[in-house]
């Protein structure tokens, strides 16, 4: 048989199941991240943002002041716009801006930045970016506006002073050229006249210098803080928390060996599920003598056992299914309680049932049925007591007081063979030919079912010794106790047993209640 793990691939449903199983972990991480982000945001100092806008103004053509059709050099324009952002945070601009700022504003912790604004779209599609926005972030809203305007004014003033200094330097050079014309005749030449015009234009440019930018939108006092945003931070924290929670769920899933559903059990053991016994109430789970098939014949467990009874009937329709070994991977999985309640359920349906306690290390069948354990299986195998005398009929007095006349119809159809005196070598007794021969004889008897309560398959080899003499094997798995490595070890042993594996019965699984139950029959 091919290994399902080798042929299967993870699907979106598998991933969703991993997350859904650990949904509370994901929710907890998401809520903690949301709360942490929100609390961090509301504890931060409020920051206010104020912005001033500077627009580029093309310098006038001094030689032809009336010319308004001169085109803008885009490269020059981009360089001028970028220069604002490159110089806005320099010490020179900062010192110039602080000259116009109050002591209160200078003492604030603020930040300043400048960015080029994208042009508004036009129908012609010829919009050009020509505006820079100077933004200040400070803890005082009014101060933020004042500082933004101070930096804007400082940038324009420094650019204006730089232009004027450049024009003054050019004037000195030209004046030096003019001084070379010593005679009146030389001053009548065209070169001299051109130098005079150029000097006059530079003087005009110096006097009318603007720094190529003007403040078109002064900063105003903001009405609301720009940061922090608790709601936005909380939403961001929620998103991060969900991602972290899902990732943590997958990490935990790699180390979590628990089995959650009966489908996982069937996949690991490679056996069909033929019964699902729901989780018992705490009071009944702690009661080692809880025969719910009798005390609560209309309860959820009794209904599950009746469904198991029907599935066993169908499983033996083609092949005889008389002697049935009932085992589990480890002790404490509810194997004995399941065997005893199943026996009662089969007997109530008119079946002739024999329950055999073959767990000679820790027998408990007699405790569940409330029977003495003076003689039993070991007595039969030793030949000291015949089976007819060693087997005990389940007494009618053990039934609940609410039993009806229909319950009396199965009186005497349930025989219980307890373990009897415990031998010093239980493994050898179970592996003996006498036990194999006796179990074969029981399979050929007039009993409809011989339920053998066997020890767990892990740790001892008793089940392997008796498997060849039985018709089939039934596996009991406690969902709450089962672990993947344990089931995988059990699967290896089951695959080596020379008997039919009829299926798996899961116990303590959370099964949804049905709205009604069938009758006893």
Protein backbone atom coordinates (compact mmCIF):
# COMPACT_ATOMS: atom_id res chain seq x y z
CA UNK A 1 0.00 0.00 0.00
CA UNK A 2 1.34 3.38 -0.95
CA UNK A 3 2.22 5.80 1.75
CA UNK A 4 -0.38 8.58 1.83
CA UNK A 5 2.22 11.01 3.05
CA UNK A 6 4.28 10.44 -0.09
CA UNK A 7 1.36 10.84 -2.50
CA UNK A 8 -0.43 13.73 -0.85
CA UNK A 9 0.31 17.37 -1.26
CA UNK A 10 -0.65 20.22 1.02
CA UNK A 11 -3.75 22.06 -0.10
CA UNK A 12 -5.23 25.40 0.87
CA UNK A 13 -7.68 23.50 3.04
CA UNK A 14 -4.78 21.87 4.92
CA UNK A 15 -3.20 25.25 5.57
CA UNK A 16 -6.54 26.64 6.72
CA UNK A 17 -7.00 23.68 9.06
CA UNK A 18 -3.61 24.31 10.66
CA UNK A 19 -4.62 27.91 11.33
CA UNK A 20 -8.14 27.03 12.43
CA UNK A 21 -6.90 24.48 14.97
CA UNK A 22 -4.79 27.20 16.58
CA UNK A 23 -7.19 30.04 15.93
CA UNK A 24 -7.05 31.23 19.54
CA UNK A 25 -3.27 31.55 19.29
CA UNK A 26 -3.65 33.66 16.14
CA UNK A 27 -6.39 35.77 17.74
CA UNK A 28 -4.36 36.28 20.91
CA UNK A 29 -1.24 37.37 19.04
CA UNK A 30 -3.28 39.69 16.81
CA UNK A 31 -5.03 41.30 19.79
CA UNK A 32 -1.79 41.73 21.70
CA UNK A 33 -0.10 43.33 18.69
CA UNK A 34 -3.10 45.63 18.16
CA UNK A 35 -3.20 46.67 21.80
CA UNK A 36 0.56 47.22 21.91
CA UNK A 37 0.53 49.37 18.77
CA UNK A 38 -2.46 51.36 20.00
CA UNK A 39 -1.02 51.94 23.48
CA UNK A 40 2.35 52.90 22.04
CA UNK A 41 0.66 55.41 19.76
CA UNK A 42 -1.42 57.10 22.46
CA UNK A 43 1.59 57.40 24.78
CA UNK A 44 3.72 59.16 22.17
CA UNK A 45 4.03 62.95 22.11
CA UNK A 46 1.70 64.59 19.61
CA UNK A 47 3.40 66.01 16.53
CA UNK A 48 1.88 68.76 14.40
CA UNK A 49 2.69 69.33 10.73
CA UNK A 50 2.65 72.72 9.02
CA UNK A 51 3.61 73.36 5.38
CA UNK A 52 4.50 76.42 3.33
CA UNK A 53 4.67 76.41 -0.47
CA UNK A 54 7.34 78.10 -2.59
CA UNK A 55 6.79 78.56 -6.32
CA UNK A 56 9.57 79.00 -8.84
CA UNK A 57 9.51 82.37 -10.65
CA UNK A 58 11.51 82.65 -13.86
CA UNK A 59 14.00 85.57 -13.70
CA UNK A 60 13.09 88.54 -15.86
CA UNK A 61 15.04 89.20 -19.08
CA UNK A 62 16.90 92.37 -18.16
CA UNK A 63 17.80 93.13 -21.76
CA UNK A 64 14.11 92.96 -22.72
CA UNK A 65 11.92 93.33 -19.61
CA UNK A 66 8.70 93.25 -21.67
CA UNK A 67 9.47 89.76 -23.07
CA UNK A 68 6.95 87.32 -21.47
CA UNK A 69 7.21 84.52 -24.02
CA UNK A 70 10.58 83.15 -23.07
CA UNK A 71 10.39 79.38 -22.52
CA UNK A 72 11.43 77.66 -19.32
CA UNK A 73 14.46 75.41 -19.42
CA UNK A 74 13.19 72.22 -17.73
CA UNK A 75 16.67 71.11 -16.68
CA UNK A 76 17.30 74.43 -15.01
CA UNK A 77 13.86 74.29 -13.38
CA UNK A 78 14.48 70.80 -11.96
CA UNK A 79 17.87 71.84 -10.60
CA UNK A 80 16.36 74.89 -8.92
CA UNK A 81 13.55 72.83 -7.33
CA UNK A 82 15.96 70.17 -6.10
CA UNK A 83 18.25 72.77 -4.63
CA UNK A 84 15.56 73.69 -2.11
CA UNK A 85 15.43 70.16 -0.75
CA UNK A 86 19.22 69.90 -0.74
CA UNK A 87 19.76 73.07 1.25
CA UNK A 88 16.72 73.23 3.55
CA UNK A 89 18.43 71.31 6.34
CA UNK A 90 21.89 72.85 6.09
CA UNK A 91 23.35 74.84 9.00
CA UNK A 92 23.39 78.01 6.88
CA UNK A 93 19.65 77.88 6.29
CA UNK A 94 19.02 76.87 9.90
CA UNK A 95 21.03 79.78 11.27
CA UNK A 96 19.31 82.23 8.92
CA UNK A 97 15.85 80.91 9.86
CA UNK A 98 16.55 81.05 13.60
CA UNK A 99 17.33 84.79 13.31
CA UNK A 100 13.63 85.39 12.76
CA UNK A 101 12.41 82.76 15.28
CA UNK A 102 11.56 83.36 18.92
CA UNK A 103 13.50 81.73 21.74
CA UNK A 104 10.53 79.41 22.36
CA UNK A 105 10.53 78.21 18.75
CA UNK A 106 14.29 77.74 18.71
CA UNK A 107 14.09 75.57 21.83
CA UNK A 108 11.58 73.14 20.33
CA UNK A 109 12.51 69.76 18.96
CA UNK A 110 11.38 69.92 15.35
CA UNK A 111 12.22 68.53 11.93
CA UNK A 112 12.07 70.25 8.56
CA UNK A 113 11.81 68.77 5.10
CA UNK A 114 11.13 69.94 1.55
CA UNK A 115 9.66 68.04 -1.40
CA UNK A 116 8.65 68.89 -4.93
CA UNK A 117 4.89 68.84 -5.41
CA UNK A 118 3.49 66.96 -8.36
CA UNK A 119 1.77 69.32 -10.79
CA UNK A 120 -1.99 69.30 -11.10
CA UNK A 121 -3.25 67.47 -14.19
CA UNK A 122 -4.40 69.61 -17.10
CA UNK A 123 -6.42 68.88 -20.19
CA UNK A 124 -3.45 69.65 -22.39
CA UNK A 125 -1.20 67.34 -20.38
CA UNK A 126 1.58 70.00 -20.31
CA UNK A 127 1.66 70.58 -16.54
CA UNK A 128 5.12 71.30 -15.11
CA UNK A 129 6.19 70.85 -11.50
CA UNK A 130 7.22 74.27 -10.20
CA UNK A 131 6.28 74.20 -6.50
CA UNK A 132 8.19 73.07 -3.44
CA UNK A 133 6.50 72.36 -0.09
CA UNK A 134 8.47 73.08 3.09
CA UNK A 135 7.07 70.96 5.95
CA UNK A 136 7.89 71.29 9.64
CA UNK A 137 6.96 68.68 12.28
CA UNK A 138 6.88 70.03 15.84
CA UNK A 139 5.12 69.49 19.16
CA UNK A 140 3.56 72.98 19.09
CA UNK A 141 1.05 73.57 16.26
CA UNK A 142 1.48 77.34 16.13
CA UNK A 143 5.25 77.05 16.35
CA UNK A 144 5.25 74.52 13.51
CA UNK A 145 3.62 77.10 11.22
CA UNK A 146 5.99 79.86 12.30
CA UNK A 147 9.06 77.68 11.80
CA UNK A 148 7.89 76.59 8.34
CA UNK A 149 7.45 80.20 7.29
CA UNK A 150 10.82 81.12 8.84
CA UNK A 151 12.64 78.43 6.85
CA UNK A 152 10.82 79.43 3.66
CA UNK A 153 11.83 83.02 4.13
CA UNK A 154 15.39 82.00 4.97
CA UNK A 155 15.71 79.97 1.76
CA UNK A 156 14.43 82.85 -0.38
CA UNK A 157 16.62 85.39 1.41
CA UNK A 158 19.77 83.31 1.04
CA UNK A 159 19.08 82.67 -2.64
CA UNK A 160 18.47 86.41 -3.13
CA UNK A 161 21.72 87.32 -1.36
CA UNK A 162 23.59 84.73 -3.42
CA UNK A 163 22.24 86.24 -6.67
CA UNK A 164 23.07 89.77 -5.57
CA UNK A 165 26.61 88.77 -4.56
CA UNK A 166 27.09 87.12 -7.95
CA UNK A 167 25.84 90.21 -9.77
CA UNK A 168 28.10 92.47 -7.65
CA UNK A 169 31.14 90.35 -8.47
CA UNK A 170 30.28 90.51 -12.20
CA UNK A 171 29.91 94.30 -11.97
CA UNK A 172 33.39 94.62 -10.50
CA UNK A 173 34.85 92.65 -13.37
CA UNK A 174 33.03 94.76 -15.96
CA UNK A 175 33.97 97.97 -14.21
CA UNK A 176 37.56 96.89 -14.38
CA UNK A 177 37.20 96.43 -18.15
CA UNK A 178 35.65 99.88 -18.51
CA UNK A 179 38.54 101.46 -16.64
CA UNK A 180 40.86 100.28 -19.41
CA UNK A 181 39.25 102.76 -21.79
CA UNK A 182 41.36 105.87 -20.96
CA UNK A 183 40.71 108.17 -23.90
CA UNK A 184 37.56 109.80 -25.13
CA UNK A 185 37.99 108.17 -28.51
CA UNK A 186 38.13 104.70 -27.00
CA UNK A 187 34.96 105.42 -25.05
CA UNK A 188 33.13 106.05 -28.30
CA UNK A 189 33.73 102.50 -29.52
CA UNK A 190 31.08 99.77 -29.69
CA UNK A 191 32.90 97.59 -27.13
CA UNK A 192 32.75 100.31 -24.56
CA UNK A 193 29.04 100.89 -25.23
CA UNK A 194 28.30 97.16 -24.84
CA UNK A 195 30.15 97.01 -21.55
CA UNK A 196 28.19 99.99 -20.28
CA UNK A 197 24.88 98.29 -21.19
CA UNK A 198 25.97 95.04 -19.55
CA UNK A 199 26.98 96.88 -16.38
CA UNK A 200 23.63 98.64 -16.25
CA UNK A 201 21.77 95.33 -16.70
CA UNK A 202 23.73 93.73 -13.88
CA UNK A 203 22.93 96.66 -11.61
CA UNK A 204 19.24 96.28 -12.44
CA UNK A 205 19.42 92.50 -11.84
CA UNK A 206 21.07 93.07 -8.49
CA UNK A 207 18.45 95.55 -7.45
CA UNK A 208 15.54 93.35 -8.57
CA UNK A 209 16.88 89.95 -7.40
CA UNK A 210 14.11 87.70 -5.91
CA UNK A 211 15.91 84.41 -5.38
CA UNK A 212 13.76 82.89 -8.17
CA UNK A 213 11.18 81.71 -5.60
CA UNK A 214 8.27 83.36 -3.85
CA UNK A 215 6.12 82.29 -0.93
CA UNK A 216 2.73 81.60 -2.51
CA UNK A 217 1.08 79.78 0.43
CA UNK A 218 2.30 80.56 3.95
CA UNK A 219 1.98 77.84 6.59
CA UNK A 220 -1.04 78.01 8.90
CA UNK A 221 -1.58 76.53 12.34
CA UNK A 222 -2.76 72.88 11.99
CA UNK A 223 -5.95 71.92 13.80
CA UNK A 224 -5.14 68.24 14.39
CA UNK A 225 -1.92 66.39 15.09
CA UNK A 226 -0.17 64.67 12.21
CA UNK A 227 1.14 61.94 14.48
CA UNK A 228 0.58 59.64 16.19
CA UNK A 229 -2.55 57.97 14.72
CA UNK A 230 -3.79 55.44 17.30
CA UNK A 231 -6.43 54.00 14.99
CA UNK A 232 -4.03 53.66 12.09
CA UNK A 233 -1.35 52.22 14.37
CA UNK A 234 -3.86 49.76 15.82
CA UNK A 235 -4.90 48.64 12.33
CA UNK A 236 -1.25 48.22 11.37
CA UNK A 237 -0.63 46.28 14.56
CA UNK A 238 -3.62 44.07 13.79
CA UNK A 239 -2.24 43.25 10.35
CA UNK A 240 1.22 42.53 11.71
CA UNK A 241 -0.28 40.49 14.54
CA UNK A 242 -2.35 38.37 12.16
CA UNK A 243 0.68 37.65 10.00
CA UNK A 244 2.80 36.87 13.07
CA UNK A 245 0.02 34.76 14.58
CA UNK A 246 -0.42 32.69 11.44
CA UNK A 247 3.33 32.20 11.18
CA UNK A 248 3.50 31.21 14.85
CA UNK A 249 0.62 28.77 14.30
CA UNK A 250 2.58 27.00 11.58
CA UNK A 251 5.72 26.94 13.75
CA UNK A 252 3.82 25.51 16.71
CA UNK A 253 2.18 23.04 14.35
CA UNK A 254 5.58 21.61 13.47
CA UNK A 255 6.16 20.71 17.12
CA UNK A 256 2.59 19.81 18.05
CA UNK A 257 2.14 16.03 17.84
CA UNK A 258 -1.43 15.98 19.11
CA UNK A 259 -4.17 14.40 17.01
CA UNK A 260 -7.25 16.54 16.63
CA UNK A 261 -9.79 14.56 14.63
CA UNK A 262 -10.71 10.99 13.72
CA UNK A 263 -9.62 11.71 10.14
CA UNK A 264 -6.04 12.23 11.29
CA UNK A 265 -6.18 8.95 13.18
CA UNK A 266 -7.44 7.10 10.11
CA UNK A 267 -4.75 8.68 7.95
CA UNK A 268 -1.93 7.73 10.31
CA UNK A 269 -3.09 4.19 11.08
CA UNK A 270 -4.34 3.57 7.52
CA UNK A 271 -7.49 2.02 8.91
CA UNK A 272 -11.13 3.09 8.54
CA UNK A 273 -13.04 4.69 11.39
CA UNK A 274 -15.97 2.45 12.32
CA UNK A 275 -16.93 4.14 15.58
CA UNK A 276 -16.69 7.46 17.38
CA UNK A 277 -17.39 7.44 21.10
CA UNK A 278 -17.96 10.97 22.42
CA UNK A 279 -16.25 12.49 25.40
CA UNK A 280 -17.82 11.43 28.69
CA UNK A 281 -18.85 13.71 31.47
CA UNK A 282 -16.19 14.16 34.11
CA UNK A 283 -18.14 12.23 36.72
CA UNK A 284 -18.53 9.20 34.45
CA UNK A 285 -14.97 9.41 33.14
CA UNK A 286 -13.70 9.10 36.70
CA UNK A 287 -15.99 6.12 37.40
CA UNK A 288 -14.14 2.94 36.52
CA UNK A 289 -17.38 0.93 36.59
CA UNK A 290 -19.35 3.17 34.22
CA UNK A 291 -21.51 0.91 32.05
CA UNK A 292 -23.31 3.69 30.25
CA UNK A 293 -24.84 1.22 27.81
CA UNK A 294 -27.02 0.22 30.78
CA UNK A 295 -27.24 3.27 33.01
CA UNK A 296 -27.81 5.70 30.13
CA UNK A 297 -29.21 3.60 27.27
CA UNK A 298 -30.46 6.67 25.43
CA UNK A 299 -27.32 8.77 25.88
CA UNK A 300 -24.79 9.88 23.33
CA UNK A 301 -22.30 7.12 24.15
CA UNK A 302 -24.97 4.42 23.85
CA UNK A 303 -26.00 5.77 20.47
CA UNK A 304 -22.36 5.76 19.32
CA UNK A 305 -22.01 2.16 20.48
CA UNK A 306 -25.13 1.16 18.57
CA UNK A 307 -23.65 2.69 15.45
CA UNK A 308 -20.44 0.75 16.12
CA UNK A 309 -22.51 -2.42 16.53
CA UNK A 310 -24.11 -1.86 13.12
CA UNK A 311 -20.74 -1.21 11.49
CA UNK A 312 -19.36 -4.47 12.96
CA UNK A 313 -22.32 -6.36 11.53
CA UNK A 314 -21.60 -4.93 8.09
CA UNK A 315 -17.88 -5.60 8.44
CA UNK A 316 -18.58 -9.31 8.98
CA UNK A 317 -21.16 -9.73 6.26
CA UNK A 318 -18.71 -11.41 3.83
CA UNK A 319 -16.11 -12.75 6.24
CA UNK A 320 -16.80 -14.28 9.61
CA UNK A 321 -16.21 -11.80 12.41
CA UNK A 322 -16.53 -13.73 15.66
CA UNK A 323 -13.34 -13.43 17.69
CA UNK A 324 -12.34 -9.78 17.86
CA UNK A 325 -9.15 -8.56 19.53
CA UNK A 326 -9.65 -5.09 21.02
CA UNK A 327 -6.43 -3.22 21.73
CA UNK A 328 -4.85 0.23 21.81
CA UNK A 329 -1.42 1.81 21.45
CA UNK A 330 -0.95 2.55 25.13
CA UNK A 331 -2.76 2.02 28.40
CA UNK A 332 -5.40 4.38 29.71
CA UNK A 333 -7.14 4.96 26.37
CA UNK A 334 -10.53 3.60 27.48
CA UNK A 335 -10.12 0.22 25.84
CA UNK A 336 -11.69 -1.86 28.61
CA UNK A 337 -14.65 0.46 29.14
CA UNK A 338 -15.30 0.43 25.39
CA UNK A 339 -15.16 -3.38 25.25
CA UNK A 340 -17.55 -3.81 28.17
CA UNK A 341 -20.08 -1.25 26.92
CA UNK A 342 -19.88 -2.67 23.40
CA UNK A 343 -20.56 -6.14 24.79
CA UNK A 344 -23.68 -4.90 26.57
CA UNK A 345 -24.83 -3.14 23.40
CA UNK A 346 -24.35 -6.27 21.30
CA UNK A 347 -26.16 -8.40 23.88
CA UNK A 348 -29.10 -6.00 24.01
CA UNK A 349 -29.45 -6.57 20.27
CA UNK A 350 -29.86 -10.31 20.87
CA UNK A 351 -26.27 -11.29 20.14
CA UNK A 352 -24.53 -14.04 22.07
CA UNK A 353 -21.43 -12.29 23.39
CA UNK A 354 -18.40 -13.52 25.32
CA UNK A 355 -16.03 -10.99 26.87
CA UNK A 356 -12.53 -12.31 27.56
CA UNK A 357 -10.06 -10.38 29.71
CA UNK A 358 -6.72 -11.30 28.09
CA UNK A 359 -4.80 -8.46 29.71
CA UNK A 360 -3.02 -10.60 32.26
CA UNK A 361 -0.83 -7.70 33.39
CA UNK A 362 -3.52 -5.21 34.38
CA UNK A 363 -6.96 -6.85 34.16
CA UNK A 364 -9.98 -4.58 34.68
CA UNK A 365 -12.93 -6.29 33.03
CA UNK A 366 -14.09 -7.79 36.34
CA UNK A 367 -14.02 -4.31 37.94
CA UNK A 368 -16.19 -2.77 35.21
CA UNK A 369 -18.78 -5.57 35.40
CA UNK A 370 -18.52 -5.82 39.17
CA UNK A 371 -17.71 -9.55 39.07
CA UNK A 372 -15.31 -11.63 41.18
CA UNK A 373 -11.98 -12.63 39.67
CA UNK A 374 -11.39 -15.93 41.48
CA UNK A 375 -11.36 -18.03 38.32
CA UNK A 376 -11.00 -16.95 34.75
CA UNK A 377 -8.90 -17.24 31.60
CA UNK A 378 -5.80 -18.57 33.34
CA UNK A 379 -7.92 -21.19 35.10
CA UNK A 380 -9.29 -22.39 31.75
CA UNK A 381 -5.85 -22.50 30.13
CA UNK A 382 -4.39 -24.43 33.06
CA UNK A 383 -7.28 -26.89 32.86
CA UNK A 384 -8.31 -26.42 36.49
CA UNK A 385 -11.72 -24.99 35.58
CA UNK A 386 -13.74 -25.61 32.44
CA UNK A 387 -14.97 -22.62 30.44
CA UNK A 388 -18.62 -23.25 31.35
CA UNK A 389 -17.82 -22.85 35.03
CA UNK A 390 -15.22 -20.09 34.70
CA UNK A 391 -17.36 -17.84 32.51
CA UNK A 392 -19.85 -15.74 34.46
CA UNK A 393 -23.20 -14.65 33.16
CA UNK A 394 -23.70 -10.96 33.53
CA UNK A 395 -26.33 -10.79 36.33
CA UNK A 396 -29.70 -9.18 35.72
CA UNK A 397 -29.45 -7.39 39.03
CA UNK A 398 -26.69 -5.23 37.56
CA UNK A 399 -29.23 -3.54 35.29
CA UNK A 400 -30.63 -0.14 36.10
CA UNK A 401 -33.85 0.13 38.07
CA UNK A 402 -35.47 1.76 35.06
CA UNK A 403 -35.05 -1.38 32.94
CA UNK A 404 -38.14 -2.46 31.06
CA UNK A 405 -39.45 -5.88 30.20
CA UNK A 406 -37.65 -5.66 26.85
CA UNK A 407 -34.34 -5.55 28.69
CA UNK A 408 -34.96 -9.00 30.11
CA UNK A 409 -34.80 -10.49 26.64
CA UNK A 410 -30.99 -10.37 26.63
CA UNK A 411 -30.47 -11.77 30.13
CA UNK A 412 -27.98 -14.62 30.00
CA UNK A 413 -26.67 -13.79 26.49
CA UNK A 414 -23.56 -12.07 27.86
CA UNK A 415 -20.78 -14.21 29.32
CA UNK A 416 -17.73 -12.66 30.98
CA UNK A 417 -14.46 -14.57 31.34
CA UNK A 418 -12.28 -12.57 33.68
CA UNK A 419 -8.50 -12.82 33.75
CA UNK A 420 -8.36 -15.14 36.74
CA UNK A 421 -5.27 -15.56 38.93
CA UNK A 422 -2.39 -13.61 37.41
CA UNK A 423 0.54 -15.78 36.25
CA UNK A 424 4.20 -14.82 36.74
CA UNK A 425 4.78 -15.05 32.98
CA UNK A 426 1.73 -13.50 31.26
CA UNK A 427 3.48 -13.12 27.90
CA UNK A 428 4.25 -16.82 27.70
CA UNK A 429 0.70 -17.77 28.65
CA UNK A 430 -0.77 -15.64 25.87
CA UNK A 431 1.82 -16.94 23.38
CA UNK A 432 1.15 -20.57 24.28
CA UNK A 433 -0.41 -23.01 21.87
CA UNK A 434 -3.13 -23.75 24.38
CA UNK A 435 -4.37 -20.16 24.28
CA UNK A 436 -4.27 -20.12 20.46
CA UNK A 437 -6.17 -23.40 20.33
CA UNK A 438 -8.71 -22.20 22.88
CA UNK A 439 -9.31 -18.92 21.04
CA UNK A 440 -9.82 -20.82 17.79
CA UNK A 441 -12.36 -23.04 19.51
CA UNK A 442 -14.19 -19.97 20.78
CA UNK A 443 -14.33 -18.60 17.25
CA UNK A 444 -16.00 -21.84 16.16
CA UNK A 445 -18.44 -21.85 19.06
CA UNK A 446 -22.06 -20.72 18.93
CA UNK A 447 -21.13 -17.25 20.20
CA UNK A 448 -21.81 -14.39 17.83
CA UNK A 449 -18.97 -12.27 19.19
CA UNK A 450 -15.94 -13.08 21.31
CA UNK A 451 -14.50 -9.76 22.44
CA UNK A 452 -10.92 -10.15 23.67
CA UNK A 453 -9.69 -7.29 25.83
CA UNK A 454 -6.00 -7.39 24.92
CA UNK A 455 -3.03 -5.41 26.30
CA UNK A 456 -1.73 -2.36 24.38
CA UNK A 457 0.36 -3.22 21.33
CA UNK A 458 3.26 -0.99 22.33
CA UNK A 459 5.57 -2.35 25.00
CA UNK A 460 4.40 -5.97 25.00
CA UNK A 461 3.98 -8.56 22.26
CA UNK A 462 0.79 -10.23 23.54
CA UNK A 463 -1.36 -8.96 20.67
CA UNK A 464 1.09 -10.27 18.11
CA UNK A 465 0.95 -13.70 19.75
CA UNK A 466 -2.85 -13.94 19.70
CA UNK A 467 -3.45 -12.19 16.35
CA UNK A 468 -3.11 -15.33 14.19
CA UNK A 469 -5.88 -17.09 16.13
CA UNK A 470 -8.42 -14.26 15.96
CA UNK A 471 -10.73 -13.26 13.14
CA UNK A 472 -9.99 -9.54 13.29
CA UNK A 473 -8.56 -6.71 15.36
CA UNK A 474 -10.26 -3.54 16.55
CA UNK A 475 -8.16 -0.53 17.51
CA UNK A 476 -9.16 1.94 20.25
CA UNK A 477 -7.65 5.43 20.09
CA UNK A 478 -8.14 8.15 22.70
CA UNK A 479 -8.16 11.47 20.82
CA UNK A 480 -7.08 13.38 23.91
CA UNK A 481 -4.15 11.06 24.67
CA UNK A 482 -3.02 10.07 21.17
CA UNK A 483 0.16 11.51 19.68
CA UNK A 484 1.40 11.17 16.14
CA UNK A 485 4.69 9.36 16.96
CA UNK A 486 2.76 6.93 19.16
CA UNK A 487 0.26 6.16 16.39
CA UNK A 488 3.01 5.82 13.81
CA UNK A 489 4.78 3.25 16.02
CA UNK A 490 1.46 1.46 16.46
CA UNK A 491 0.88 1.42 12.70
CA UNK A 492 4.19 -0.36 12.11
CA UNK A 493 3.18 -3.09 14.56
CA UNK A 494 -0.34 -3.37 13.14
CA UNK A 495 0.97 -3.83 9.62
CA UNK A 496 3.02 -6.81 10.77
CA UNK A 497 0.14 -8.61 12.50
CA UNK A 498 -1.26 -11.65 10.64
CA UNK A 499 -4.93 -10.79 11.07
CA UNK A 500 -7.61 -8.60 9.58
CA UNK A 501 -7.80 -5.04 10.84
CA UNK A 502 -11.49 -4.22 10.96
CA UNK A 503 -11.08 -0.55 11.89
CA UNK A 504 -10.57 2.10 14.56
CA UNK A 505 -12.85 3.40 17.29
CA UNK A 506 -12.00 6.86 18.56
CA UNK A 507 -12.97 7.80 22.10
CA UNK A 508 -13.23 11.11 23.90
CA UNK A 509 -13.75 12.94 20.64
CA UNK A 510 -15.89 16.06 20.60
CA UNK A 511 -18.85 14.78 18.60
CA UNK A 512 -21.79 17.06 17.94
CA UNK A 513 -24.95 15.92 19.68
CA UNK A 514 -27.81 14.70 17.52
CA UNK A 515 -31.32 15.96 18.04
CA UNK A 516 -32.73 12.51 18.76
CA UNK A 517 -31.59 8.97 19.46
CA UNK A 518 -32.82 5.65 18.16
CA UNK A 519 -34.36 3.03 20.36
CA UNK A 520 -32.31 0.29 22.03
CA UNK A 521 -32.85 -2.05 19.12
